[in-house]
Amino acid sequence: MTRIPTTLPPPYTVSAGTLRTTADHFTRTSEILVGAGSKSTRFLLHTSLLTQQSPYFRAALTGPFLEATDQSIRLDDISVEIFELLVTWLYTGTIKPVPFKDGKPAYYTMLHLYILADRFCFEGLRNHIVDMMADLADSTNSVLTPSDTRILYNEIDEGAKVRQLVLDLFAFKKTDKLLATHTDAWHAKRCRDIG
């Protein structure tokens, strides 16, 4: 058997159906090993949650791949902390606690979670992150930092909803003073897009 490819074409859209409608949904789990080597963390997740929400996991766990036989997937290049946020959303439909650092929204954490959701085609999670970032920006009167924009522009596809959200936030919040104090630190494409 072959292993599932580590990349897939652009994300597919999957609408969330009803969860756990048969006893099999309660009993079948898949092992997800997150992190490199001996420092990896083992997650046992309900297979039905993974396969209903993500075409990537549906292919990996039900297709003609070794992972489907073993019901085990190794994800060496993923942060355990970010994957835990994905698991929280998978089981609760929300991200709790909301990522904050030093009393400010940790947009970089949300962007890394968005990258993970995009990689595994969790459309519901991508949408949730966009909504959460918009709500946080509004409730805390904040926008992304220069280092956040580098993550946004270097690691997230140009057509992603989250990129449009950030541009809208900068335009709506009239961040001229913020832009002037950090002119050399912003990602060049972001400056061009705002300009």
N, C-alpha and C. Protein backbone atom coordinates (compact mmCIF):
# COMPACT_ATOMS: atom_id res chain seq x y z
N MET A 1 0.83 -1.18 0.00
CA MET A 1 0.00 0.00 0.00
C MET A 1 0.88 1.24 0.00
N THR A 2 0.34 2.32 -0.52
CA THR A 2 1.06 3.58 -0.54
C THR A 2 0.50 4.50 0.53
N ARG A 3 1.28 5.49 0.89
CA ARG A 3 0.83 6.50 1.85
C ARG A 3 0.07 7.59 1.11
N ILE A 4 -0.84 8.24 1.81
CA ILE A 4 -1.60 9.32 1.20
C ILE A 4 -0.64 10.46 0.87
N PRO A 5 -0.83 11.13 -0.25
CA PRO A 5 0.03 12.27 -0.58
C PRO A 5 -0.09 13.35 0.48
N THR A 6 0.99 14.08 0.71
CA THR A 6 0.97 15.12 1.75
C THR A 6 0.31 16.41 1.28
N THR A 7 0.07 16.54 -0.01
CA THR A 7 -0.61 17.73 -0.51
C THR A 7 -1.79 17.30 -1.36
N LEU A 8 -2.78 18.14 -1.37
CA LEU A 8 -3.97 17.91 -2.19
C LEU A 8 -4.21 19.15 -3.03
N PRO A 9 -5.05 19.03 -4.04
CA PRO A 9 -5.41 20.22 -4.81
C PRO A 9 -6.10 21.24 -3.91
N PRO A 10 -6.46 22.41 -4.44
CA PRO A 10 -7.11 23.42 -3.61
C PRO A 10 -8.29 22.85 -2.83
N PRO A 11 -8.64 23.48 -1.71
CA PRO A 11 -9.64 22.93 -0.80
C PRO A 11 -10.97 22.65 -1.46
N TYR A 12 -11.59 21.59 -1.00
CA TYR A 12 -12.92 21.20 -1.44
C TYR A 12 -13.93 21.74 -0.44
N THR A 13 -15.14 21.93 -0.88
CA THR A 13 -16.19 22.39 0.01
C THR A 13 -16.99 21.20 0.48
N VAL A 14 -17.15 21.10 1.78
CA VAL A 14 -17.94 20.03 2.37
C VAL A 14 -18.88 20.67 3.37
N SER A 15 -20.14 20.37 3.24
CA SER A 15 -21.06 20.91 4.24
C SER A 15 -21.16 19.91 5.38
N ALA A 16 -21.18 20.43 6.59
CA ALA A 16 -21.25 19.57 7.76
C ALA A 16 -22.63 18.97 7.86
N GLY A 17 -22.67 17.66 7.93
CA GLY A 17 -23.94 16.96 8.09
C GLY A 17 -24.20 16.71 9.56
N THR A 18 -25.14 15.84 9.84
CA THR A 18 -25.39 15.50 11.23
C THR A 18 -24.28 14.61 11.73
N LEU A 19 -23.86 14.85 12.93
CA LEU A 19 -22.77 14.09 13.50
C LEU A 19 -23.27 12.90 14.29
N ARG A 20 -22.50 11.83 14.24
CA ARG A 20 -22.73 10.65 15.08
C ARG A 20 -24.15 10.12 14.97
N THR A 21 -24.54 9.70 13.81
CA THR A 21 -25.90 9.19 13.63
C THR A 21 -25.98 7.69 13.80
N THR A 22 -24.85 6.99 13.87
CA THR A 22 -24.85 5.55 14.11
C THR A 22 -23.87 5.23 15.22
N ALA A 23 -23.99 4.03 15.78
CA ALA A 23 -23.10 3.61 16.86
C ALA A 23 -21.64 3.63 16.42
N ASP A 24 -21.39 3.36 15.14
CA ASP A 24 -20.02 3.36 14.63
C ASP A 24 -19.37 4.72 14.82
N HIS A 25 -20.15 5.79 14.78
CA HIS A 25 -19.60 7.13 14.97
C HIS A 25 -19.07 7.33 16.38
N PHE A 26 -19.59 6.57 17.35
CA PHE A 26 -19.14 6.69 18.73
C PHE A 26 -17.93 5.82 19.02
N THR A 27 -17.73 4.77 18.25
CA THR A 27 -16.72 3.78 18.62
C THR A 27 -15.45 3.79 17.78
N ARG A 28 -15.51 4.20 16.55
CA ARG A 28 -14.33 4.19 15.68
C ARG A 28 -13.49 5.42 15.89
N THR A 29 -12.21 5.21 16.19
CA THR A 29 -11.30 6.33 16.34
C THR A 29 -10.10 6.13 15.43
N SER A 30 -9.44 7.22 15.15
CA SER A 30 -8.21 7.20 14.36
C SER A 30 -7.12 7.85 15.19
N GLU A 31 -5.92 7.35 15.01
CA GLU A 31 -4.77 7.88 15.71
C GLU A 31 -4.10 8.93 14.83
N ILE A 32 -3.92 10.11 15.39
CA ILE A 32 -3.20 11.17 14.69
C ILE A 32 -1.97 11.49 15.54
N LEU A 33 -0.79 11.28 14.98
CA LEU A 33 0.46 11.56 15.68
C LEU A 33 0.98 12.90 15.19
N VAL A 34 1.05 13.86 16.09
CA VAL A 34 1.40 15.23 15.73
C VAL A 34 2.74 15.60 16.36
N GLY A 35 3.61 16.17 15.54
CA GLY A 35 4.93 16.57 16.00
C GLY A 35 5.97 15.57 15.55
N ALA A 36 7.22 15.98 15.63
CA ALA A 36 8.31 15.17 15.09
C ALA A 36 8.80 14.12 16.07
N GLY A 37 9.12 12.96 15.53
CA GLY A 37 9.82 11.90 16.23
C GLY A 37 9.26 11.49 17.57
N SER A 38 10.16 11.32 18.53
CA SER A 38 9.76 10.83 19.85
C SER A 38 8.98 11.88 20.64
N LYS A 39 8.99 13.12 20.18
CA LYS A 39 8.25 14.19 20.87
C LYS A 39 6.84 14.35 20.32
N SER A 40 6.41 13.41 19.48
CA SER A 40 5.07 13.54 18.92
C SER A 40 4.01 13.27 19.99
N THR A 41 2.86 13.88 19.79
CA THR A 41 1.72 13.72 20.69
C THR A 41 0.66 12.91 19.97
N ARG A 42 0.10 11.95 20.68
CA ARG A 42 -0.90 11.05 20.11
C ARG A 42 -2.30 11.58 20.42
N PHE A 43 -3.09 11.73 19.35
CA PHE A 43 -4.49 12.12 19.48
C PHE A 43 -5.33 10.95 18.99
N LEU A 44 -6.33 10.55 19.75
CA LEU A 44 -7.32 9.57 19.29
C LEU A 44 -8.61 10.34 19.06
N LEU A 45 -8.98 10.46 17.80
CA LEU A 45 -10.15 11.27 17.43
C LEU A 45 -11.19 10.39 16.75
N HIS A 46 -12.44 10.76 16.94
CA HIS A 46 -13.51 10.01 16.28
C HIS A 46 -13.35 10.16 14.77
N THR A 47 -13.25 9.03 14.11
CA THR A 47 -13.02 9.00 12.67
C THR A 47 -14.12 9.74 11.92
N SER A 48 -15.36 9.57 12.37
CA SER A 48 -16.48 10.20 11.67
C SER A 48 -16.36 11.72 11.68
N LEU A 49 -15.88 12.31 12.78
CA LEU A 49 -15.71 13.77 12.82
C LEU A 49 -14.68 14.21 11.79
N LEU A 50 -13.59 13.50 11.72
CA LEU A 50 -12.54 13.85 10.76
C LEU A 50 -13.03 13.69 9.32
N THR A 51 -13.67 12.58 9.02
CA THR A 51 -14.05 12.30 7.63
C THR A 51 -15.25 13.12 7.17
N GLN A 52 -16.12 13.53 8.09
CA GLN A 52 -17.26 14.37 7.69
C GLN A 52 -16.84 15.82 7.45
N GLN A 53 -15.81 16.28 8.14
CA GLN A 53 -15.42 17.68 8.04
C GLN A 53 -14.29 17.94 7.05
N SER A 54 -13.53 16.90 6.69
CA SER A 54 -12.34 17.13 5.88
C SER A 54 -12.19 16.09 4.77
N PRO A 55 -12.19 16.53 3.51
CA PRO A 55 -11.95 15.60 2.41
C PRO A 55 -10.55 14.97 2.48
N TYR A 56 -9.59 15.69 3.05
CA TYR A 56 -8.25 15.14 3.21
C TYR A 56 -8.30 13.90 4.10
N PHE A 57 -8.92 14.05 5.28
CA PHE A 57 -8.99 12.92 6.21
C PHE A 57 -9.93 11.84 5.69
N ARG A 58 -10.96 12.22 4.95
CA ARG A 58 -11.84 11.22 4.35
C ARG A 58 -11.05 10.33 3.39
N ALA A 59 -10.22 10.95 2.55
CA ALA A 59 -9.40 10.19 1.61
C ALA A 59 -8.37 9.34 2.35
N ALA A 60 -7.73 9.94 3.34
CA ALA A 60 -6.67 9.23 4.06
C ALA A 60 -7.19 8.04 4.86
N LEU A 61 -8.36 8.19 5.47
CA LEU A 61 -8.85 7.17 6.40
C LEU A 61 -9.85 6.20 5.78
N THR A 62 -10.30 6.47 4.55
CA THR A 62 -11.24 5.54 3.92
C THR A 62 -10.78 5.10 2.54
N GLY A 63 -9.71 5.70 2.04
CA GLY A 63 -9.23 5.39 0.68
C GLY A 63 -8.24 4.23 0.67
N PRO A 64 -7.60 4.04 -0.48
CA PRO A 64 -6.68 2.92 -0.67
C PRO A 64 -5.27 3.21 -0.16
N PHE A 65 -5.17 3.78 1.02
CA PHE A 65 -3.88 4.18 1.56
C PHE A 65 -3.58 3.38 2.83
N LEU A 66 -2.31 3.30 3.16
CA LEU A 66 -1.88 2.61 4.36
C LEU A 66 -2.55 3.20 5.61
N GLU A 67 -2.75 4.51 5.62
CA GLU A 67 -3.39 5.17 6.76
C GLU A 67 -4.80 4.64 7.01
N ALA A 68 -5.52 4.28 5.95
CA ALA A 68 -6.87 3.74 6.10
C ALA A 68 -6.82 2.37 6.76
N THR A 69 -5.83 1.57 6.41
CA THR A 69 -5.68 0.26 7.02
C THR A 69 -5.29 0.38 8.49
N ASP A 70 -4.31 1.22 8.76
CA ASP A 70 -3.81 1.40 10.12
C ASP A 70 -4.69 2.31 10.97
N GLN A 71 -5.52 3.12 10.34
CA GLN A 71 -6.28 4.17 11.01
C GLN A 71 -5.34 5.06 11.82
N SER A 72 -4.20 5.39 11.20
CA SER A 72 -3.18 6.20 11.85
C SER A 72 -2.53 7.12 10.82
N ILE A 73 -2.37 8.37 11.20
CA ILE A 73 -1.73 9.37 10.33
C ILE A 73 -0.66 10.08 11.15
N ARG A 74 0.49 10.24 10.56
CA ARG A 74 1.59 10.96 11.21
C ARG A 74 1.73 12.34 10.55
N LEU A 75 1.74 13.38 11.39
CA LEU A 75 1.87 14.75 10.92
C LEU A 75 3.07 15.38 11.62
N ASP A 76 4.25 15.11 11.11
CA ASP A 76 5.50 15.53 11.74
C ASP A 76 5.72 17.04 11.76
N ASP A 77 5.19 17.75 10.79
CA ASP A 77 5.52 19.16 10.62
C ASP A 77 4.49 20.11 11.21
N ILE A 78 3.66 19.63 12.12
CA ILE A 78 2.57 20.45 12.68
C ILE A 78 2.80 20.69 14.16
N SER A 79 2.51 21.89 14.60
CA SER A 79 2.60 22.26 16.01
C SER A 79 1.46 21.61 16.79
N VAL A 80 1.80 20.99 17.91
CA VAL A 80 0.80 20.36 18.76
C VAL A 80 -0.21 21.40 19.25
N GLU A 81 0.27 22.57 19.63
CA GLU A 81 -0.62 23.61 20.16
C GLU A 81 -1.66 24.05 19.13
N ILE A 82 -1.24 24.18 17.89
CA ILE A 82 -2.18 24.58 16.83
C ILE A 82 -3.15 23.44 16.53
N PHE A 83 -2.65 22.20 16.51
CA PHE A 83 -3.53 21.06 16.26
C PHE A 83 -4.56 20.91 17.37
N GLU A 84 -4.19 21.22 18.60
CA GLU A 84 -5.15 21.16 19.71
C GLU A 84 -6.30 22.13 19.48
N LEU A 85 -6.02 23.30 18.93
CA LEU A 85 -7.10 24.25 18.61
C LEU A 85 -8.03 23.67 17.54
N LEU A 86 -7.46 22.98 16.55
CA LEU A 86 -8.28 22.33 15.53
C LEU A 86 -9.18 21.28 16.17
N VAL A 87 -8.62 20.49 17.08
CA VAL A 87 -9.40 19.45 17.76
C VAL A 87 -10.51 20.07 18.58
N THR A 88 -10.22 21.16 19.28
CA THR A 88 -11.24 21.85 20.06
C THR A 88 -12.39 22.28 19.16
N TRP A 89 -12.06 22.88 18.01
CA TRP A 89 -13.11 23.29 17.08
C TRP A 89 -13.88 22.07 16.56
N LEU A 90 -13.18 21.00 16.26
CA LEU A 90 -13.80 19.80 15.72
C LEU A 90 -14.87 19.26 16.65
N TYR A 91 -14.60 19.28 17.95
CA TYR A 91 -15.53 18.72 18.92
C TYR A 91 -16.54 19.72 19.47
N THR A 92 -16.22 21.01 19.44
CA THR A 92 -17.13 21.99 20.05
C THR A 92 -17.72 23.00 19.07
N GLY A 93 -17.10 23.12 17.89
CA GLY A 93 -17.58 24.10 16.92
C GLY A 93 -17.09 25.50 17.21
N THR A 94 -16.18 25.66 18.17
CA THR A 94 -15.65 26.96 18.51
C THR A 94 -14.18 26.82 18.93
N ILE A 95 -13.52 27.93 19.09
CA ILE A 95 -12.12 27.92 19.53
C ILE A 95 -12.08 28.56 20.90
N LYS A 96 -11.80 27.76 21.90
CA LYS A 96 -11.72 28.23 23.28
C LYS A 96 -10.46 27.65 23.89
N PRO A 97 -9.72 28.40 24.63
CA PRO A 97 -9.87 29.83 24.81
C PRO A 97 -9.43 30.58 23.55
N VAL A 98 -9.99 31.75 23.36
CA VAL A 98 -9.58 32.59 22.24
C VAL A 98 -8.12 32.97 22.46
N PRO A 99 -7.28 32.80 21.44
CA PRO A 99 -5.85 33.07 21.62
C PRO A 99 -5.55 34.56 21.87
N PHE A 100 -4.97 34.83 23.03
CA PHE A 100 -4.53 36.18 23.41
C PHE A 100 -3.10 36.09 23.91
N LYS A 101 -2.36 37.17 23.75
CA LYS A 101 -1.03 37.28 24.33
C LYS A 101 -0.85 38.72 24.79
N ASP A 102 -0.46 38.88 26.03
CA ASP A 102 -0.26 40.20 26.63
C ASP A 102 -1.50 41.09 26.48
N GLY A 103 -2.68 40.49 26.63
CA GLY A 103 -3.92 41.25 26.57
C GLY A 103 -4.40 41.62 25.18
N LYS A 104 -3.70 41.14 24.15
CA LYS A 104 -4.08 41.46 22.77
C LYS A 104 -4.36 40.17 22.00
N PRO A 105 -5.24 40.24 21.00
CA PRO A 105 -5.50 39.03 20.21
C PRO A 105 -4.22 38.50 19.56
N ALA A 106 -4.02 37.20 19.65
CA ALA A 106 -2.86 36.55 19.03
C ALA A 106 -3.25 36.16 17.61
N TYR A 107 -3.29 37.16 16.73
CA TYR A 107 -3.70 36.90 15.35
C TYR A 107 -2.78 35.89 14.67
N TYR A 108 -1.50 35.88 15.02
CA TYR A 108 -0.57 34.93 14.41
C TYR A 108 -1.00 33.49 14.69
N THR A 109 -1.53 33.22 15.88
CA THR A 109 -2.03 31.87 16.20
C THR A 109 -3.21 31.52 15.31
N MET A 110 -4.11 32.47 15.14
CA MET A 110 -5.27 32.23 14.28
C MET A 110 -4.86 32.02 12.83
N LEU A 111 -3.84 32.75 12.39
CA LEU A 111 -3.35 32.57 11.02
C LEU A 111 -2.71 31.19 10.84
N HIS A 112 -1.96 30.73 11.82
CA HIS A 112 -1.38 29.39 11.73
C HIS A 112 -2.48 28.32 11.74
N LEU A 113 -3.53 28.56 12.51
CA LEU A 113 -4.67 27.63 12.51
C LEU A 113 -5.37 27.66 11.16
N TYR A 114 -5.50 28.84 10.58
CA TYR A 114 -6.10 28.96 9.24
C TYR A 114 -5.28 28.16 8.22
N ILE A 115 -3.96 28.25 8.29
CA ILE A 115 -3.09 27.51 7.38
C ILE A 115 -3.33 26.01 7.53
N LEU A 116 -3.46 25.55 8.77
CA LEU A 116 -3.73 24.13 9.02
C LEU A 116 -5.10 23.73 8.49
N ALA A 117 -6.10 24.56 8.73
CA ALA A 117 -7.45 24.28 8.23
C ALA A 117 -7.47 24.23 6.71
N ASP A 118 -6.71 25.11 6.09
CA ASP A 118 -6.63 25.14 4.63
C ASP A 118 -5.93 23.88 4.11
N ARG A 119 -4.87 23.50 4.76
CA ARG A 119 -4.12 22.31 4.34
C ARG A 119 -4.99 21.05 4.34
N PHE A 120 -5.83 20.92 5.37
CA PHE A 120 -6.66 19.72 5.50
C PHE A 120 -8.10 19.93 5.05
N CYS A 121 -8.36 21.06 4.41
CA CYS A 121 -9.66 21.34 3.79
C CYS A 121 -10.83 21.38 4.79
N PHE A 122 -10.61 21.96 5.96
CA PHE A 122 -11.67 22.16 6.93
C PHE A 122 -12.33 23.51 6.64
N GLU A 123 -13.27 23.52 5.72
CA GLU A 123 -13.90 24.78 5.32
C GLU A 123 -14.63 25.45 6.48
N GLY A 124 -15.31 24.67 7.30
CA GLY A 124 -16.01 25.25 8.45
C GLY A 124 -15.07 25.95 9.39
N LEU A 125 -13.89 25.40 9.61
CA LEU A 125 -12.90 26.03 10.48
C LEU A 125 -12.34 27.28 9.85
N ARG A 126 -12.06 27.23 8.55
CA ARG A 126 -11.57 28.45 7.88
C ARG A 126 -12.57 29.59 8.06
N ASN A 127 -13.85 29.31 7.82
CA ASN A 127 -14.88 30.33 7.96
C ASN A 127 -14.98 30.82 9.41
N HIS A 128 -14.87 29.91 10.35
CA HIS A 128 -14.94 30.27 11.77
C HIS A 128 -13.80 31.22 12.14
N ILE A 129 -12.62 30.95 11.63
CA ILE A 129 -11.46 31.80 11.94
C ILE A 129 -11.65 33.20 11.37
N VAL A 130 -12.15 33.30 10.15
CA VAL A 130 -12.40 34.62 9.55
C VAL A 130 -13.40 35.39 10.41
N ASP A 131 -14.49 34.73 10.80
CA ASP A 131 -15.49 35.38 11.64
C ASP A 131 -14.91 35.79 12.99
N MET A 132 -14.11 34.90 13.59
CA MET A 132 -13.53 35.17 14.89
C MET A 132 -12.56 36.35 14.83
N MET A 133 -11.75 36.40 13.78
CA MET A 133 -10.81 37.52 13.64
C MET A 133 -11.55 38.83 13.44
N ALA A 134 -12.61 38.82 12.68
CA ALA A 134 -13.40 40.04 12.47
C ALA A 134 -14.02 40.50 13.79
N ASP A 135 -14.58 39.57 14.55
CA ASP A 135 -15.18 39.92 15.83
C ASP A 135 -14.13 40.45 16.82
N LEU A 136 -12.97 39.81 16.85
CA LEU A 136 -11.91 40.27 17.76
C LEU A 136 -11.40 41.65 17.37
N ALA A 137 -11.22 41.87 16.09
CA ALA A 137 -10.76 43.18 15.64
C ALA A 137 -11.75 44.26 16.06
N ASP A 138 -13.03 43.95 15.96
CA ASP A 138 -14.06 44.90 16.33
C ASP A 138 -14.12 45.11 17.85
N SER A 139 -14.13 44.01 18.61
CA SER A 139 -14.29 44.13 20.06
C SER A 139 -13.05 44.66 20.76
N THR A 140 -11.87 44.49 20.18
CA THR A 140 -10.64 44.96 20.82
C THR A 140 -10.04 46.17 20.11
N ASN A 141 -10.68 46.61 19.03
CA ASN A 141 -10.19 47.72 18.22
C ASN A 141 -8.72 47.50 17.84
N SER A 142 -8.45 46.33 17.28
CA SER A 142 -7.08 45.97 16.93
C SER A 142 -7.00 45.47 15.49
N VAL A 143 -5.80 45.44 14.97
CA VAL A 143 -5.52 44.85 13.66
C VAL A 143 -4.25 44.01 13.78
N LEU A 144 -3.90 43.34 12.72
CA LEU A 144 -2.71 42.51 12.73
C LEU A 144 -1.45 43.35 12.84
N THR A 145 -0.40 42.75 13.37
CA THR A 145 0.90 43.40 13.50
C THR A 145 1.68 43.18 12.20
N PRO A 146 2.80 43.88 12.04
CA PRO A 146 3.63 43.64 10.86
C PRO A 146 4.06 42.18 10.70
N SER A 147 4.44 41.53 11.81
CA SER A 147 4.85 40.12 11.69
C SER A 147 3.67 39.23 11.32
N ASP A 148 2.46 39.58 11.77
CA ASP A 148 1.27 38.83 11.36
C ASP A 148 1.05 38.94 9.85
N THR A 149 1.29 40.14 9.31
CA THR A 149 1.07 40.30 7.87
C THR A 149 2.08 39.52 7.05
N ARG A 150 3.26 39.29 7.60
CA ARG A 150 4.23 38.45 6.88
C ARG A 150 3.74 37.01 6.81
N ILE A 151 3.14 36.51 7.88
CA ILE A 151 2.54 35.17 7.86
C ILE A 151 1.43 35.15 6.82
N LEU A 152 0.59 36.16 6.86
CA LEU A 152 -0.56 36.26 5.95
C LEU A 152 -0.13 36.23 4.49
N TYR A 153 0.89 36.99 4.15
CA TYR A 153 1.30 37.11 2.75
C TYR A 153 2.29 36.03 2.31
N ASN A 154 3.06 35.48 3.21
CA ASN A 154 4.04 34.47 2.81
C ASN A 154 3.49 33.06 2.84
N GLU A 155 2.44 32.81 3.65
CA GLU A 155 2.01 31.43 3.86
C GLU A 155 0.56 31.15 3.51
N ILE A 156 -0.21 32.18 3.16
CA ILE A 156 -1.63 31.98 2.87
C ILE A 156 -1.90 32.41 1.43
N ASP A 157 -2.69 31.60 0.72
CA ASP A 157 -2.99 31.87 -0.68
C ASP A 157 -3.63 33.24 -0.89
N GLU A 158 -3.33 33.81 -2.04
CA GLU A 158 -3.78 35.16 -2.37
C GLU A 158 -5.30 35.30 -2.35
N GLY A 159 -6.04 34.29 -2.77
CA GLY A 159 -7.49 34.39 -2.83
C GLY A 159 -8.20 34.04 -1.53
N ALA A 160 -7.48 33.78 -0.46
CA ALA A 160 -8.09 33.36 0.80
C ALA A 160 -8.94 34.47 1.40
N LYS A 161 -10.07 34.08 1.98
CA LYS A 161 -10.99 35.05 2.60
C LYS A 161 -10.31 35.85 3.70
N VAL A 162 -9.40 35.21 4.42
CA VAL A 162 -8.76 35.89 5.53
C VAL A 162 -7.89 37.06 5.05
N ARG A 163 -7.32 36.96 3.86
CA ARG A 163 -6.52 38.08 3.34
C ARG A 163 -7.42 39.27 3.02
N GLN A 164 -8.58 39.02 2.44
CA GLN A 164 -9.51 40.11 2.16
C GLN A 164 -10.00 40.75 3.45
N LEU A 165 -10.24 39.92 4.46
CA LEU A 165 -10.67 40.45 5.76
C LEU A 165 -9.64 41.43 6.32
N VAL A 166 -8.38 41.05 6.28
CA VAL A 166 -7.33 41.91 6.83
C VAL A 166 -7.26 43.23 6.08
N LEU A 167 -7.35 43.19 4.77
CA LEU A 167 -7.35 44.44 3.99
C LEU A 167 -8.54 45.31 4.37
N ASP A 168 -9.71 44.69 4.53
CA ASP A 168 -10.89 45.44 4.93
C ASP A 168 -10.72 46.05 6.32
N LEU A 169 -10.11 45.30 7.24
CA LEU A 169 -9.90 45.82 8.59
C LEU A 169 -9.00 47.06 8.57
N PHE A 170 -7.92 46.98 7.79
CA PHE A 170 -7.01 48.12 7.72
C PHE A 170 -7.71 49.34 7.10
N ALA A 171 -8.52 49.11 6.10
CA ALA A 171 -9.23 50.22 5.47
C ALA A 171 -10.29 50.80 6.40
N PHE A 172 -11.04 49.92 7.06
CA PHE A 172 -12.14 50.34 7.92
C PHE A 172 -11.64 51.05 9.17
N LYS A 173 -10.58 50.56 9.76
CA LYS A 173 -10.09 51.11 11.02
C LYS A 173 -9.21 52.35 10.84
N LYS A 174 -8.96 52.71 9.60
CA LYS A 174 -8.16 53.91 9.32
C LYS A 174 -6.88 53.90 10.15
N THR A 175 -6.02 53.00 9.82
CA THR A 175 -4.82 52.73 10.60
C THR A 175 -3.61 53.54 10.13
N ASP A 176 -3.81 54.75 9.68
CA ASP A 176 -2.70 55.58 9.18
C ASP A 176 -1.58 55.73 10.20
N LYS A 177 -1.92 56.00 11.46
CA LYS A 177 -0.90 56.20 12.49
C LYS A 177 -0.09 54.91 12.70
N LEU A 178 -0.78 53.78 12.76
CA LEU A 178 -0.11 52.49 12.92
C LEU A 178 0.81 52.21 11.75
N LEU A 179 0.34 52.45 10.55
CA LEU A 179 1.15 52.23 9.36
C LEU A 179 2.38 53.12 9.35
N ALA A 180 2.23 54.36 9.78
CA ALA A 180 3.36 55.29 9.77
C ALA A 180 4.43 54.91 10.78
N THR A 181 4.04 54.29 11.89
CA THR A 181 5.03 53.94 12.92
C THR A 181 5.76 52.64 12.62
N HIS A 182 5.28 51.87 11.65
CA HIS A 182 5.90 50.58 11.32
C HIS A 182 6.15 50.45 9.82
N THR A 183 6.49 51.52 9.15
CA THR A 183 6.54 51.50 7.68
C THR A 183 7.49 50.44 7.13
N ASP A 184 8.64 50.20 7.73
CA ASP A 184 9.59 49.26 7.15
C ASP A 184 9.32 47.81 7.53
N ALA A 185 8.41 47.56 8.48
CA ALA A 185 8.18 46.20 8.97
C ALA A 185 7.03 45.48 8.27
N TRP A 186 6.18 46.20 7.56
CA TRP A 186 5.03 45.58 6.92
C TRP A 186 5.48 44.80 5.69
N HIS A 187 4.74 43.75 5.38
CA HIS A 187 5.02 43.00 4.16
C HIS A 187 4.73 43.92 2.97
N ALA A 188 5.61 43.92 1.99
CA ALA A 188 5.50 44.84 0.86
C ALA A 188 4.18 44.69 0.11
N LYS A 189 3.72 43.48 -0.09
CA LYS A 189 2.44 43.28 -0.80
C LYS A 189 1.27 43.87 -0.03
N ARG A 190 1.32 43.80 1.30
CA ARG A 190 0.24 44.36 2.09
C ARG A 190 0.21 45.86 1.94
N CYS A 191 1.39 46.48 1.92
CA CYS A 191 1.46 47.93 1.72
C CYS A 191 0.90 48.31 0.35
N ARG A 192 1.24 47.52 -0.67
CA ARG A 192 0.73 47.77 -2.02
C ARG A 192 -0.79 47.61 -2.07
N ASP A 193 -1.31 46.56 -1.42
CA ASP A 193 -2.75 46.30 -1.43
C ASP A 193 -3.53 47.39 -0.72
N ILE A 194 -2.97 47.91 0.37
CA ILE A 194 -3.63 48.98 1.12
C ILE A 194 -3.55 50.29 0.37
N GLY A 195 -2.36 50.54 -0.23
CA GLY A 195 -2.04 51.80 -0.90
C GLY A 195 -3.07 52.22 -1.84
